Amino acid sequence: MSMQEMMRQAQQLQKKMAQVQEEMGHKTVEASAGGGMVTVTANGSQNITEIRIDPAVVDPEDVAMLQDLVVAATNEALKKAKEMVESEMSKLTGGLKIPGLF
């Protein structure tokens, strides 16, 4: 394979990866904590797009518990979003882990 052909393939892969990253920004994942009392939605761009809190978990006497549930659900949603992007990118790279890519 010539250097020119390798460069052309690399450019095509780069375009496809940019396309997948854009698509991932529109896809979302959800995670919840406390048996669904707190639900967080994140997109493939690692942005939190929604947080839903069941009013039953809002207790002025136990704000720490609510905070812990929000943190747990948020961390899980971000983890799921990252896994979603990695899964889509690995389809392009054939499972090859490219440092700094995702």
Protein backbone atom coordinates (compact mmCIF):
# COMPACT_ATOMS: atom_id res chain seq x y z
CA MET A 1 0.00 0.00 0.00
CA SER A 2 1.41 3.37 -1.00
CA MET A 3 1.79 6.27 1.40
CA GLN A 4 -0.75 8.22 -0.63
CA GLU A 5 -3.30 5.42 -0.29
CA MET A 6 -2.68 5.23 3.47
CA MET A 7 -3.22 8.99 3.79
CA ARG A 8 -6.44 8.77 1.80
CA GLN A 9 -7.73 5.97 4.06
CA ALA A 10 -6.73 7.92 7.17
CA GLN A 11 -8.64 10.97 5.91
CA GLN A 12 -11.72 8.83 5.21
CA LEU A 13 -11.52 7.33 8.71
CA GLN A 14 -11.17 10.80 10.21
CA LYS A 15 -14.31 11.97 8.36
CA LYS A 16 -16.26 8.92 9.50
CA MET A 17 -15.13 9.43 13.09
CA ALA A 18 -16.23 13.07 13.03
CA GLN A 19 -19.59 11.95 11.66
CA VAL A 20 -20.00 9.36 14.44
CA GLN A 21 -19.05 11.92 17.10
CA GLU A 22 -21.69 14.30 15.78
CA GLU A 23 -24.29 11.52 15.75
CA MET A 24 -23.36 10.56 19.32
CA GLY A 25 -24.17 14.10 20.43
CA HIS A 26 -27.78 13.37 19.50
CA LYS A 27 -27.99 9.95 21.16
CA THR A 28 -28.73 9.70 24.85
CA VAL A 29 -28.44 7.21 27.69
CA GLU A 30 -30.15 7.16 31.07
CA ALA A 31 -29.05 6.04 34.49
CA SER A 32 -30.86 6.10 37.78
CA ALA A 33 -30.12 5.76 41.47
CA GLY A 34 -32.22 5.07 44.51
CA GLY A 35 -34.50 2.67 42.69
CA GLY A 36 -35.36 5.27 40.06
CA MET A 37 -35.79 8.15 42.48
CA VAL A 38 -33.16 10.14 40.57
CA THR A 39 -32.71 9.68 36.82
CA VAL A 40 -30.02 11.40 34.76
CA THR A 41 -29.86 11.59 30.97
CA ALA A 42 -26.56 12.21 29.17
CA ASN A 43 -25.66 12.42 25.51
CA GLY A 44 -22.68 11.02 23.64
CA SER A 45 -20.92 14.36 23.96
CA GLN A 46 -20.68 13.74 27.72
CA ASN A 47 -23.24 16.45 28.51
CA ILE A 48 -25.99 16.01 31.06
CA THR A 49 -29.24 16.84 29.28
CA GLU A 50 -31.80 16.11 31.98
CA ILE A 51 -32.13 15.28 35.66
CA ARG A 52 -35.43 13.99 37.03
CA ILE A 53 -35.99 13.78 40.78
CA ASP A 54 -38.99 12.03 42.30
CA PRO A 55 -40.56 14.47 44.78
CA ALA A 56 -40.75 11.65 47.34
CA VAL A 57 -36.94 11.72 47.71
CA VAL A 58 -36.85 15.45 48.48
CA ASP A 59 -36.42 15.58 52.24
CA PRO A 60 -35.17 18.86 53.74
CA GLU A 61 -33.87 16.85 56.68
CA ASP A 62 -31.72 14.62 54.44
CA VAL A 63 -30.31 16.72 51.63
CA ALA A 64 -27.08 14.67 51.70
CA MET A 65 -28.93 11.54 50.53
CA LEU A 66 -30.43 13.41 47.56
CA GLN A 67 -27.03 14.82 46.65
CA ASP A 68 -25.50 11.33 46.78
CA LEU A 69 -28.23 9.96 44.52
CA VAL A 70 -27.70 12.76 41.99
CA VAL A 71 -23.93 12.16 41.97
CA ALA A 72 -24.38 8.38 41.59
CA ALA A 73 -26.88 8.69 38.75
CA THR A 74 -24.77 11.34 37.00
CA ASN A 75 -21.59 9.27 37.18
CA GLU A 76 -23.40 6.21 35.85
CA ALA A 77 -24.98 8.20 32.99
CA LEU A 78 -21.58 9.61 31.97
CA LYS A 79 -20.06 6.12 32.13
CA LYS A 80 -22.83 4.76 29.88
CA ALA A 81 -22.38 7.67 27.45
CA LYS A 82 -18.64 7.00 27.23
CA GLU A 83 -19.23 3.29 26.66
CA MET A 84 -21.76 4.10 23.91
CA VAL A 85 -19.23 6.30 22.09
CA GLU A 86 -16.41 3.78 22.53
CA SER A 87 -18.62 1.03 21.13
CA GLU A 88 -19.50 3.08 18.04
CA MET A 89 -15.91 4.18 17.48
CA SER A 90 -14.58 0.63 17.83
CA LYS A 91 -16.82 -0.33 14.90
CA LEU A 92 -14.83 2.14 12.78
CA THR A 93 -11.40 1.23 14.10
CA GLY A 94 -11.98 -2.51 14.18
CA GLY A 95 -11.52 -2.54 17.95
CA LEU A 96 -8.13 -0.86 17.74
CA LYS A 97 -7.66 1.53 20.67
CA ILE A 98 -6.22 4.76 19.32
CA PRO A 99 -4.82 6.97 22.12
CA GLY A 100 -6.65 10.28 22.46
CA LEU A 101 -9.49 9.19 20.19
CA PHE A 102 -12.07 8.38 22.83
